[in-house]
C-alpha atoms as a PDB file:
ATOM      1  CA  MET A   1       0.000   0.000   0.000  1.00  0.00           C
ATOM      2  CA  HIS A   2       2.838   2.405   0.846  1.00  0.00           C
ATOM      3  CA  LEU A   3       4.458   2.002  -2.585  1.00  0.00           C
ATOM      4  CA  GLN A   4       1.174   2.767  -4.331  1.00  0.00           C
ATOM      5  CA  THR A   5       0.888   5.966  -2.302  1.00  0.00           C
ATOM      6  CA  VAL A   6       4.432   6.967  -3.247  1.00  0.00           C
ATOM      7  CA  SER A   7       3.694   6.277  -6.913  1.00  0.00           C
ATOM      8  CA  ALA A   8       0.515   8.363  -6.822  1.00  0.00           C
ATOM      9  CA  ARG A   9       2.316  11.252  -5.108  1.00  0.00           C
ATOM     10  CA  CYS A  10       5.113  11.164  -7.696  1.00  0.00           C
ATOM     11  CA  ARG A  11       2.519  11.415 -10.473  1.00  0.00           C
ATOM     12  CA  SER A  12       0.717  14.262  -8.678  1.00  0.00           C
ATOM     13  CA  LEU A  13       3.952  16.169  -8.230  1.00  0.00           C
ATOM     14  CA  ALA A  14       4.818  15.626 -11.905  1.00  0.00           C
ATOM     15  CA  ASN A  15       1.430  17.059 -12.906  1.00  0.00           C
ATOM     16  CA  LEU A  16       1.956  20.110 -10.672  1.00  0.00           C
ATOM     17  CA  ILE A  17       5.436  20.750 -12.060  1.00  0.00           C
ATOM     18  CA  ARG A  18       4.108  20.564 -15.637  1.00  0.00           C
ATOM     19  CA  LYS A  19       1.930  23.622 -14.896  1.00  0.00           C
ATOM     20  CA  GLY A  20       4.957  25.859 -14.348  1.00  0.00           C
ATOM     21  CA  PRO A  21       8.515  26.256 -15.589  1.00  0.00           C
ATOM     22  CA  GLN A  22      10.106  22.873 -16.042  1.00  0.00           C
ATOM     23  CA  PRO A  23      13.625  22.279 -14.829  1.00  0.00           C
ATOM     24  CA  HIS A  24      15.556  19.632 -16.726  1.00  0.00           C
ATOM     25  CA  VAL A  25      17.764  16.791 -15.515  1.00  0.00           C
ATOM     26  CA  ALA A  26      20.637  15.134 -17.368  1.00  0.00           C
ATOM     27  CA  LEU A  27      20.600  11.341 -17.249  1.00  0.00           C
ATOM     28  CA  ALA A  28      23.669   9.209 -17.819  1.00  0.00           C
ATOM     29  CA  ALA A  29      23.686   6.876 -20.804  1.00  0.00           C
ATOM     30  CA  GLU A  30      22.164   3.445 -20.320  1.00  0.00           C
ATOM     31  CA  SER A  31      24.822   1.190 -18.794  1.00  0.00           C
ATOM     32  CA  GLY A  32      23.167  -2.088 -17.879  1.00  0.00           C
ATOM     33  CA  LEU A  33      23.993  -1.395 -14.245  1.00  0.00           C
ATOM     34  CA  ASN A  34      20.433  -2.188 -13.161  1.00  0.00           C
ATOM     35  CA  GLU A  35      20.832  -5.856 -14.062  1.00  0.00           C
ATOM     36  CA  ALA A  36      23.975  -6.110 -11.966  1.00  0.00           C
ATOM     37  CA  ILE A  37      22.613  -4.177  -8.995  1.00  0.00           C
ATOM     38  CA  ARG A  38      19.439  -6.301  -8.840  1.00  0.00           C
ATOM     39  CA  VAL A  39      21.527  -9.235  -7.693  1.00  0.00           C
ATOM     40  CA  LEU A  40      22.718  -7.537  -4.526  1.00  0.00           C
ATOM     41  CA  MET A  41      19.899  -5.064  -3.935  1.00  0.00           C
ATOM     42  CA  PRO A  42      16.724  -6.345  -5.608  1.00  0.00           C
ATOM     43  CA  LEU A  43      14.532  -3.351  -4.753  1.00  0.00           C
ATOM     44  CA  THR A  44      16.976  -0.801  -6.165  1.00  0.00           C
ATOM     45  CA  ALA A  45      17.132   0.751  -9.621  1.00  0.00           C
ATOM     46  CA  PHE A  46      19.069   3.520 -11.323  1.00  0.00           C
ATOM     47  CA  ILE A  47      17.159   5.823 -13.610  1.00  0.00           C
ATOM     48  CA  GLU A  48      19.262   6.119 -16.742  1.00  0.00           C
ATOM     49  CA  ALA A  49      18.783   7.446 -20.250  1.00  0.00           C
ATOM     50  CA  SER A  50      16.655   5.243 -22.443  1.00  0.00           C
ATOM     51  CA  GLY A  51      19.476   4.683 -24.906  1.00  0.00           C
ATOM     52  CA  PRO A  52      23.256   4.610 -25.319  1.00  0.00           C
ATOM     53  CA  GLU A  53      23.505   8.429 -25.304  1.00  0.00           C
ATOM     54  CA  ARG A  54      23.170  10.913 -22.455  1.00  0.00           C
ATOM     55  CA  GLU A  55      19.646  12.290 -22.266  1.00  0.00           C
ATOM     56  CA  VAL A  56      18.206  15.553 -20.906  1.00  0.00           C
ATOM     57  CA  VAL A  57      14.623  15.190 -19.688  1.00  0.00           C
ATOM     58  CA  PRO A  58      12.148  17.420 -17.859  1.00  0.00           C
ATOM     59  CA  ILE A  59      12.016  16.702 -14.138  1.00  0.00           C
ATOM     60  CA  ALA A  60       8.327  15.810 -14.542  1.00  0.00           C
ATOM     61  CA  THR A  61       9.355  12.974 -16.863  1.00  0.00           C
ATOM     62  CA  LEU A  62      11.856  11.786 -14.271  1.00  0.00           C
ATOM     63  CA  LEU A  63       9.111  11.791 -11.631  1.00  0.00           C
ATOM     64  CA  GLU A  64       6.860   9.794 -13.969  1.00  0.00           C
ATOM     65  CA  ARG A  65       9.613   7.190 -14.396  1.00  0.00           C
ATOM     66  CA  GLY A  66      10.002   7.060 -10.625  1.00  0.00           C
ATOM     67  CA  ALA A  67       6.251   6.600 -10.223  1.00  0.00           C
ATOM     68  CA  ALA A  68       6.290   3.759 -12.744  1.00  0.00           C
ATOM     69  CA  TRP A  69       9.159   2.123 -10.850  1.00  0.00           C
ATOM     70  CA  PHE A  70       7.279   2.322  -7.535  1.00  0.00           C
ATOM     71  CA  GLU A  71       4.179   0.951  -9.239  1.00  0.00           C
ATOM     72  CA  ALA A  72       6.220  -1.963 -10.608  1.00  0.00           C
ATOM     73  CA  LEU A  73       7.519  -2.657  -7.093  1.00  0.00           C
ATOM     74  CA  THR A  74       3.964  -3.141  -5.852  1.00  0.00           C
ATOM     75  CA  GLN A  75       3.646  -6.054  -8.271  1.00  0.00           C
ATOM     76  CA  GLN A  76       6.699  -7.823  -6.885  1.00  0.00           C
ATOM     77  CA  VAL A  77       6.155 -10.341  -4.146  1.00  0.00           C
ATOM     78  CA  VAL A  78       8.626  -9.895  -1.313  1.00  0.00           C
ATOM     79  CA  PRO A  79       9.356 -13.343   0.150  1.00  0.00           C
ATOM     80  CA  ARG A  80       8.787 -12.821   3.862  1.00  0.00           C
ATOM     81  CA  SER A  81       9.771 -16.283   5.077  1.00  0.00           C
ATOM     82  CA  LYS A  82      13.280 -15.988   3.610  1.00  0.00           C
ATOM     83  CA  GLN A  83      13.801 -12.628   5.299  1.00  0.00           C
ATOM     84  CA  ASN A  84      12.672 -13.908   8.670  1.00  0.00           C
ATOM     85  CA  ARG A  85      14.944 -16.945   8.884  1.00  0.00           C
ATOM     86  CA  ARG A  86      17.530 -14.990  10.841  1.00  0.00           C
ATOM     87  CA  PRO A  87      15.815 -11.993  12.409  1.00  0.00           C
ATOM     88  CA  ALA A  88      18.082  -9.025  13.056  1.00  0.00           C
ATOM     89  CA  ALA A  89      17.905  -6.333  15.719  1.00  0.00           C
ATOM     90  CA  LYS A  90      18.226  -3.522  13.141  1.00  0.00           C
ATOM     91  CA  ALA A  91      17.137  -3.113   9.551  1.00  0.00           C
ATOM     92  CA  SER A  92      20.728  -2.316   8.544  1.00  0.00           C
ATOM     93  CA  GLU A  93      21.841  -5.702   9.922  1.00  0.00           C
ATOM     94  CA  ALA A  94      19.084  -7.466   8.001  1.00  0.00           C
ATOM     95  CA  TYR A  95      20.090  -5.709   4.772  1.00  0.00           C
ATOM     96  CA  ALA A  96      23.759  -6.565   5.316  1.00  0.00           C
ATOM     97  CA  ASP A  97      22.859 -10.205   5.911  1.00  0.00           C
ATOM     98  CA  GLU A  98      20.729 -10.219   2.771  1.00  0.00           C
ATOM     99  CA  ARG A  99      23.588  -8.686   0.717  1.00  0.00           C
ATOM    100  CA  ARG A 100      25.969 -11.330   2.062  1.00  0.00           C
ATOM    101  CA  SER A 101      23.635 -14.194   1.093  1.00  0.00           C
ATOM    102  CA  ARG A 102      22.880 -12.750  -2.343  1.00  0.00           C
ATOM    103  CA  ALA A 103      26.548 -12.109  -3.075  1.00  0.00           C
ATOM    104  CA  ALA A 104      27.422 -15.673  -2.105  1.00  0.00           C
ATOM    105  CA  GLU A 105      24.588 -17.129  -4.226  1.00  0.00           C
ATOM    106  CA  PHE A 106      25.473 -15.052  -7.262  1.00  0.00           C
ATOM    107  CA  LEU A 107      29.273 -15.307  -7.148  1.00  0.00           C
ATOM    108  CA  VAL A 108      29.403 -19.079  -6.641  1.00  0.00           C
ATOM    109  CA  GLY A 109      27.464 -19.467  -9.894  1.00  0.00           C
ATOM    110  CA  VAL A 110      29.629 -16.939 -11.724  1.00  0.00           C
ATOM    111  CA  PHE A 111      32.880 -18.543 -10.551  1.00  0.00           C
ATOM    112  CA  ARG A 112      31.621 -22.034 -11.412  1.00  0.00           C
ATOM    113  CA  ARG A 113      30.531 -20.974 -14.927  1.00  0.00           C
ATOM    114  CA  ALA A 114      33.527 -18.788 -15.728  1.00  0.00           C
ATOM    115  CA  LEU A 115      36.317 -20.689 -13.952  1.00  0.00           C
ATOM    116  CA  GLY A 116      34.911 -24.194 -13.578  1.00  0.00           C
ATOM    117  CA  HIS A 117      35.149 -24.154  -9.759  1.00  0.00           C
ATOM    118  CA  PRO A 118      33.155 -22.273  -7.081  1.00  0.00           C
ATOM    119  CA  TYR A 119      36.210 -20.949  -5.156  1.00  0.00           C
ATOM    120  CA  HIS A 120      34.304 -20.735  -1.866  1.00  0.00           C
ATOM    121  CA  ALA A 121      37.071 -18.907   0.041  1.00  0.00           C
ATOM    122  CA  HIS A 122      37.331 -16.205  -2.628  1.00  0.00           C
ATOM    123  CA  VAL A 123      33.555 -15.784  -2.722  1.00  0.00           C
ATOM    124  CA  ALA A 124      33.563 -15.516   1.083  1.00  0.00           C
ATOM    125  CA  THR A 125      36.146 -12.723   0.941  1.00  0.00           C
ATOM    126  CA  ILE A 126      34.085 -10.763  -1.594  1.00  0.00           C
ATOM    127  CA  ALA A 127      30.869 -11.346   0.399  1.00  0.00           C
ATOM    128  CA  THR A 128      32.630  -9.978   3.502  1.00  0.00           C
ATOM    129  CA  ILE A 129      33.595  -6.821   1.617  1.00  0.00           C
ATOM    130  CA  VAL A 130      30.123  -6.363   0.108  1.00  0.00           C
ATOM    131  CA  SER A 131      28.197  -6.903   3.345  1.00  0.00           C
ATOM    132  CA  GLY A 132      30.599  -5.912   6.106  1.00  0.00           C
ATOM    133  CA  ILE A 133      29.832  -9.229   7.841  1.00  0.00           C
ATOM    134  CA  GLU A 134      32.661 -11.708   8.354  1.00  0.00           C
ATOM    135  CA  THR A 135      31.988 -14.601   5.973  1.00  0.00           C
ATOM    136  CA  ASP A 136      33.808 -17.915   5.681  1.00  0.00           C
ATOM    137  CA  ALA A 137      33.879 -20.638   3.040  1.00  0.00           C
ATOM    138  CA  ASP A 138      31.538 -22.839   5.116  1.00  0.00           C
ATOM    139  CA  PHE A 139      28.819 -20.196   4.931  1.00  0.00           C
ATOM    140  CA  VAL A 140      29.236 -20.003   1.150  1.00  0.00           C
ATOM    141  CA  LYS A 141      28.981 -23.806   0.905  1.00  0.00           C
ATOM    142  CA  LYS A 142      25.745 -23.731   2.936  1.00  0.00           C
ATOM    143  CA  VAL A 143      24.302 -21.043   0.667  1.00  0.00           C
ATOM    144  CA  GLU A 144      25.256 -23.075  -2.386  1.00  0.00           C
ATOM    145  CA  ALA A 145      23.676 -26.211  -0.907  1.00  0.00           C
ATOM    146  CA  ARG A 146      20.488 -24.262  -0.156  1.00  0.00           C
ATOM    147  CA  GLN A 147      20.258 -23.318  -3.827  1.00  0.00           C
ATOM    148  CA  GLY A 148      19.896 -26.983  -4.718  1.00  0.00           C
ATOM    149  CA  LYS A 149      22.828 -27.055  -7.113  1.00  0.00           C
ATOM    150  CA  PRO A 150      23.366 -30.427  -8.825  1.00  0.00           C
ATOM    151  CA  ASN A 151      26.949 -30.559  -7.500  1.00  0.00           C
ATOM    152  CA  LYS A 152      26.016 -30.205  -3.838  1.00  0.00           C
ATOM    153  CA  HIS A 153      26.823 -33.862  -3.077  1.00  0.00           C
ATOM    154  CA  ARG A 154      30.234 -33.709  -4.733  1.00  0.00           C
ATOM    155  CA  ARG A 155      33.182 -34.111  -2.390  1.00  0.00           C
ATOM    156  CA  GLY A 156      36.141 -31.774  -2.295  1.00  0.00           C
ATOM    157  CA  ASN A 157      34.300 -28.431  -2.655  1.00  0.00           C
END
Protein backbone atom coordinates (compact mmCIF):
# COMPACT_ATOMS: atom_id res chain seq x y z
CA MET A 1 0.00 0.00 0.00
CA HIS A 2 2.84 2.41 0.85
CA LEU A 3 4.46 2.00 -2.59
CA GLN A 4 1.17 2.77 -4.33
CA THR A 5 0.89 5.97 -2.30
CA VAL A 6 4.43 6.97 -3.25
CA SER A 7 3.69 6.28 -6.91
CA ALA A 8 0.52 8.36 -6.82
CA ARG A 9 2.32 11.25 -5.11
CA CYS A 10 5.11 11.16 -7.70
CA ARG A 11 2.52 11.41 -10.47
CA SER A 12 0.72 14.26 -8.68
CA LEU A 13 3.95 16.17 -8.23
CA ALA A 14 4.82 15.63 -11.90
CA ASN A 15 1.43 17.06 -12.91
CA LEU A 16 1.96 20.11 -10.67
CA ILE A 17 5.44 20.75 -12.06
CA ARG A 18 4.11 20.56 -15.64
CA LYS A 19 1.93 23.62 -14.90
CA GLY A 20 4.96 25.86 -14.35
CA PRO A 21 8.51 26.26 -15.59
CA GLN A 22 10.11 22.87 -16.04
CA PRO A 23 13.62 22.28 -14.83
CA HIS A 24 15.56 19.63 -16.73
CA VAL A 25 17.76 16.79 -15.51
CA ALA A 26 20.64 15.13 -17.37
CA LEU A 27 20.60 11.34 -17.25
CA ALA A 28 23.67 9.21 -17.82
CA ALA A 29 23.69 6.88 -20.80
CA GLU A 30 22.16 3.45 -20.32
CA SER A 31 24.82 1.19 -18.79
CA GLY A 32 23.17 -2.09 -17.88
CA LEU A 33 23.99 -1.39 -14.25
CA ASN A 34 20.43 -2.19 -13.16
CA GLU A 35 20.83 -5.86 -14.06
CA ALA A 36 23.98 -6.11 -11.97
CA ILE A 37 22.61 -4.18 -9.00
CA ARG A 38 19.44 -6.30 -8.84
CA VAL A 39 21.53 -9.23 -7.69
CA LEU A 40 22.72 -7.54 -4.53
CA MET A 41 19.90 -5.06 -3.94
CA PRO A 42 16.72 -6.35 -5.61
CA LEU A 43 14.53 -3.35 -4.75
CA THR A 44 16.98 -0.80 -6.17
CA ALA A 45 17.13 0.75 -9.62
CA PHE A 46 19.07 3.52 -11.32
CA ILE A 47 17.16 5.82 -13.61
CA GLU A 48 19.26 6.12 -16.74
CA ALA A 49 18.78 7.45 -20.25
CA SER A 50 16.66 5.24 -22.44
CA GLY A 51 19.48 4.68 -24.91
CA PRO A 52 23.26 4.61 -25.32
CA GLU A 53 23.50 8.43 -25.30
CA ARG A 54 23.17 10.91 -22.45
CA GLU A 55 19.65 12.29 -22.27
CA VAL A 56 18.21 15.55 -20.91
CA VAL A 57 14.62 15.19 -19.69
CA PRO A 58 12.15 17.42 -17.86
CA ILE A 59 12.02 16.70 -14.14
CA ALA A 60 8.33 15.81 -14.54
CA THR A 61 9.35 12.97 -16.86
CA LEU A 62 11.86 11.79 -14.27
CA LEU A 63 9.11 11.79 -11.63
CA GLU A 64 6.86 9.79 -13.97
CA ARG A 65 9.61 7.19 -14.40
CA GLY A 66 10.00 7.06 -10.63
CA ALA A 67 6.25 6.60 -10.22
CA ALA A 68 6.29 3.76 -12.74
CA TRP A 69 9.16 2.12 -10.85
CA PHE A 70 7.28 2.32 -7.53
CA GLU A 71 4.18 0.95 -9.24
CA ALA A 72 6.22 -1.96 -10.61
CA LEU A 73 7.52 -2.66 -7.09
CA THR A 74 3.96 -3.14 -5.85
CA GLN A 75 3.65 -6.05 -8.27
CA GLN A 76 6.70 -7.82 -6.89
CA VAL A 77 6.15 -10.34 -4.15
CA VAL A 78 8.63 -9.90 -1.31
CA PRO A 79 9.36 -13.34 0.15
CA ARG A 80 8.79 -12.82 3.86
CA SER A 81 9.77 -16.28 5.08
CA LYS A 82 13.28 -15.99 3.61
CA GLN A 83 13.80 -12.63 5.30
CA ASN A 84 12.67 -13.91 8.67
CA ARG A 85 14.94 -16.95 8.88
CA ARG A 86 17.53 -14.99 10.84
CA PRO A 87 15.82 -11.99 12.41
CA ALA A 88 18.08 -9.03 13.06
CA ALA A 89 17.90 -6.33 15.72
CA LYS A 90 18.23 -3.52 13.14
CA ALA A 91 17.14 -3.11 9.55
CA SER A 92 20.73 -2.32 8.54
CA GLU A 93 21.84 -5.70 9.92
CA ALA A 94 19.08 -7.47 8.00
CA TYR A 95 20.09 -5.71 4.77
CA ALA A 96 23.76 -6.56 5.32
CA ASP A 97 22.86 -10.21 5.91
CA GLU A 98 20.73 -10.22 2.77
CA ARG A 99 23.59 -8.69 0.72
CA ARG A 100 25.97 -11.33 2.06
CA SER A 101 23.63 -14.19 1.09
CA ARG A 102 22.88 -12.75 -2.34
CA ALA A 103 26.55 -12.11 -3.07
CA ALA A 104 27.42 -15.67 -2.11
CA GLU A 105 24.59 -17.13 -4.23
CA PHE A 106 25.47 -15.05 -7.26
CA LEU A 107 29.27 -15.31 -7.15
CA VAL A 108 29.40 -19.08 -6.64
CA GLY A 109 27.46 -19.47 -9.89
CA VAL A 110 29.63 -16.94 -11.72
CA PHE A 111 32.88 -18.54 -10.55
CA ARG A 112 31.62 -22.03 -11.41
CA ARG A 113 30.53 -20.97 -14.93
CA ALA A 114 33.53 -18.79 -15.73
CA LEU A 115 36.32 -20.69 -13.95
CA GLY A 116 34.91 -24.19 -13.58
CA HIS A 117 35.15 -24.15 -9.76
CA PRO A 118 33.15 -22.27 -7.08
CA TYR A 119 36.21 -20.95 -5.16
CA HIS A 120 34.30 -20.74 -1.87
CA ALA A 121 37.07 -18.91 0.04
CA HIS A 122 37.33 -16.20 -2.63
CA VAL A 123 33.55 -15.78 -2.72
CA ALA A 124 33.56 -15.52 1.08
CA THR A 125 36.15 -12.72 0.94
CA ILE A 126 34.09 -10.76 -1.59
CA ALA A 127 30.87 -11.35 0.40
CA THR A 128 32.63 -9.98 3.50
CA ILE A 129 33.60 -6.82 1.62
CA VAL A 130 30.12 -6.36 0.11
CA SER A 131 28.20 -6.90 3.35
CA GLY A 132 30.60 -5.91 6.11
CA ILE A 133 29.83 -9.23 7.84
CA GLU A 134 32.66 -11.71 8.35
CA THR A 135 31.99 -14.60 5.97
CA ASP A 136 33.81 -17.91 5.68
CA ALA A 137 33.88 -20.64 3.04
CA ASP A 138 31.54 -22.84 5.12
CA PHE A 139 28.82 -20.20 4.93
CA VAL A 140 29.24 -20.00 1.15
CA LYS A 141 28.98 -23.81 0.90
CA LYS A 142 25.75 -23.73 2.94
CA VAL A 143 24.30 -21.04 0.67
CA GLU A 144 25.26 -23.08 -2.39
CA ALA A 145 23.68 -26.21 -0.91
CA ARG A 146 20.49 -24.26 -0.16
CA GLN A 147 20.26 -23.32 -3.83
CA GLY A 148 19.90 -26.98 -4.72
CA LYS A 149 22.83 -27.05 -7.11
CA PRO A 150 23.37 -30.43 -8.82
CA ASN A 151 26.95 -30.56 -7.50
CA LYS A 152 26.02 -30.20 -3.84
CA HIS A 153 26.82 -33.86 -3.08
CA ARG A 154 30.23 -33.71 -4.73
CA ARG A 155 33.18 -34.11 -2.39
CA GLY A 156 36.14 -31.77 -2.29
CA ASN A 157 34.30 -28.43 -2.66
